Amino acid sequence: MRARVIEERCVGCGACISVCPQRAIEMVGKKNIEKIEGKIDELIERISKIRREM
């Protein structure tokens, strides 16, 4: 079985690193921080939209 990243579901938190039995996952570079920030921005926008619709 080969590991793969599902980009839409990855938030860049790194939780997968500690649970990988083969130690085959690593996080590289600043891209992860930017990805997390992007996901946070998406969530904030969703929350704002839901509140406007209430």
N, C-alpha and C. Protein backbone atom coordinates (compact mmCIF):
# COMPACT_ATOMS: atom_id res chain seq x y z
N MET A 1 0.85 -1.18 0.00
CA MET A 1 0.00 0.00 0.00
C MET A 1 0.90 1.24 0.00
N ARG A 2 0.53 2.21 -0.80
CA ARG A 2 1.30 3.44 -0.90
C ARG A 2 0.54 4.59 -0.25
N ALA A 3 1.24 5.38 0.54
CA ALA A 3 0.62 6.53 1.20
C ALA A 3 0.39 7.63 0.17
N ARG A 4 -0.67 8.41 0.38
CA ARG A 4 -0.93 9.54 -0.49
C ARG A 4 -1.60 10.63 0.32
N VAL A 5 -1.44 11.84 -0.13
CA VAL A 5 -2.05 13.00 0.53
C VAL A 5 -3.27 13.41 -0.27
N ILE A 6 -4.39 13.56 0.42
CA ILE A 6 -5.60 14.08 -0.20
C ILE A 6 -5.60 15.57 0.10
N GLU A 7 -5.15 16.35 -0.87
CA GLU A 7 -4.93 17.79 -0.70
C GLU A 7 -6.13 18.51 -0.10
N GLU A 8 -7.34 18.16 -0.53
CA GLU A 8 -8.53 18.86 -0.04
C GLU A 8 -8.76 18.64 1.45
N ARG A 9 -8.27 17.53 1.97
CA ARG A 9 -8.51 17.21 3.38
C ARG A 9 -7.34 17.57 4.28
N CYS A 10 -6.19 17.80 3.69
CA CYS A 10 -4.98 18.11 4.47
C CYS A 10 -5.02 19.57 4.91
N VAL A 11 -4.82 19.77 6.22
CA VAL A 11 -4.74 21.13 6.74
C VAL A 11 -3.32 21.49 7.15
N GLY A 12 -2.40 20.58 6.95
CA GLY A 12 -1.01 20.84 7.26
C GLY A 12 -0.66 20.77 8.73
N CYS A 13 -1.47 20.08 9.52
CA CYS A 13 -1.25 20.03 10.97
C CYS A 13 -0.11 19.11 11.38
N GLY A 14 0.22 18.14 10.53
CA GLY A 14 1.31 17.22 10.83
C GLY A 14 0.92 16.02 11.68
N ALA A 15 -0.35 15.84 11.99
CA ALA A 15 -0.78 14.71 12.82
C ALA A 15 -0.41 13.37 12.19
N CYS A 16 -0.40 13.31 10.88
CA CYS A 16 -0.09 12.06 10.18
C CYS A 16 1.35 11.61 10.41
N ILE A 17 2.23 12.56 10.68
CA ILE A 17 3.64 12.23 10.88
C ILE A 17 3.82 11.30 12.07
N SER A 18 3.15 11.61 13.16
CA SER A 18 3.34 10.83 14.39
C SER A 18 2.67 9.46 14.34
N VAL A 19 1.72 9.25 13.45
CA VAL A 19 1.03 7.96 13.40
C VAL A 19 1.50 7.06 12.25
N CYS A 20 2.39 7.57 11.40
CA CYS A 20 2.87 6.76 10.28
C CYS A 20 3.84 5.69 10.80
N PRO A 21 3.47 4.41 10.68
CA PRO A 21 4.34 3.34 11.22
C PRO A 21 5.67 3.22 10.47
N GLN A 22 5.73 3.68 9.26
CA GLN A 22 6.96 3.58 8.47
C GLN A 22 7.82 4.83 8.55
N ARG A 23 7.31 5.86 9.27
CA ARG A 23 8.02 7.14 9.37
C ARG A 23 8.34 7.70 7.97
N ALA A 24 7.36 7.58 7.08
CA ALA A 24 7.55 7.95 5.68
C ALA A 24 7.00 9.34 5.35
N ILE A 25 6.50 10.06 6.35
CA ILE A 25 5.88 11.35 6.09
C ILE A 25 6.69 12.44 6.77
N GLU A 26 6.91 13.50 6.05
CA GLU A 26 7.56 14.67 6.64
C GLU A 26 6.93 15.93 6.08
N MET A 27 6.99 16.98 6.87
CA MET A 27 6.47 18.27 6.44
C MET A 27 7.68 19.12 6.05
N VAL A 28 7.58 19.76 4.93
CA VAL A 28 8.71 20.52 4.42
C VAL A 28 8.31 21.96 4.13
N GLY A 29 9.05 22.88 4.67
CA GLY A 29 8.94 24.28 4.29
C GLY A 29 7.80 25.06 4.86
N LYS A 30 7.78 26.32 4.46
CA LYS A 30 6.79 27.28 4.92
C LYS A 30 5.43 27.06 4.28
N LYS A 31 5.38 26.28 3.23
CA LYS A 31 4.12 26.04 2.53
C LYS A 31 3.05 25.52 3.49
N ASN A 32 3.44 24.73 4.48
CA ASN A 32 2.48 24.17 5.43
C ASN A 32 1.80 25.27 6.25
N ILE A 33 2.58 26.25 6.67
CA ILE A 33 2.01 27.36 7.43
C ILE A 33 1.03 28.14 6.56
N GLU A 34 1.42 28.39 5.33
CA GLU A 34 0.53 29.11 4.41
C GLU A 34 -0.74 28.32 4.15
N LYS A 35 -0.62 27.01 4.07
CA LYS A 35 -1.79 26.17 3.84
C LYS A 35 -2.75 26.22 5.03
N ILE A 36 -2.19 26.15 6.24
CA ILE A 36 -3.01 26.23 7.44
C ILE A 36 -3.71 27.57 7.51
N GLU A 37 -2.97 28.65 7.24
CA GLU A 37 -3.57 29.98 7.26
C GLU A 37 -4.69 30.09 6.22
N GLY A 38 -4.48 29.49 5.06
CA GLY A 38 -5.52 29.50 4.02
C GLY A 38 -6.77 28.77 4.47
N LYS A 39 -6.59 27.62 5.13
CA LYS A 39 -7.74 26.85 5.63
C LYS A 39 -8.47 27.64 6.72
N ILE A 40 -7.72 28.32 7.58
CA ILE A 40 -8.35 29.14 8.62
C ILE A 40 -9.18 30.25 7.99
N ASP A 41 -8.61 30.90 6.97
CA ASP A 41 -9.36 31.95 6.27
C ASP A 41 -10.65 31.41 5.66
N GLU A 42 -10.57 30.20 5.07
CA GLU A 42 -11.77 29.58 4.49
C GLU A 42 -12.82 29.34 5.56
N LEU A 43 -12.40 28.83 6.72
CA LEU A 43 -13.34 28.55 7.81
C LEU A 43 -13.98 29.83 8.34
N ILE A 44 -13.17 30.87 8.48
CA ILE A 44 -13.71 32.14 8.96
C ILE A 44 -14.76 32.67 7.99
N GLU A 45 -14.49 32.56 6.70
CA GLU A 45 -15.45 33.01 5.69
C GLU A 45 -16.74 32.19 5.76
N ARG A 46 -16.61 30.87 5.94
CA ARG A 46 -17.81 30.02 6.05
C ARG A 46 -18.64 30.40 7.26
N ILE A 47 -17.96 30.63 8.39
CA ILE A 47 -18.67 31.01 9.63
C ILE A 47 -19.38 32.34 9.42
N SER A 48 -18.70 33.30 8.80
CA SER A 48 -19.30 34.61 8.54
C SER A 48 -20.53 34.47 7.64
N LYS A 49 -20.43 33.63 6.63
CA LYS A 49 -21.55 33.42 5.72
C LYS A 49 -22.75 32.81 6.47
N ILE A 50 -22.48 31.84 7.31
CA ILE A 50 -23.56 31.19 8.07
C ILE A 50 -24.23 32.22 8.98
N ARG A 51 -23.43 33.05 9.63
CA ARG A 51 -23.99 34.06 10.53
C ARG A 51 -24.84 35.08 9.76
N ARG A 52 -24.41 35.44 8.56
CA ARG A 52 -25.19 36.39 7.76
C ARG A 52 -26.53 35.78 7.34
N GLU A 53 -26.55 34.47 7.13
CA GLU A 53 -27.77 33.79 6.70
C GLU A 53 -28.74 33.53 7.84
N MET A 54 -28.31 33.71 9.06
CA MET A 54 -29.18 33.43 10.23
C MET A 54 -30.18 34.54 10.43
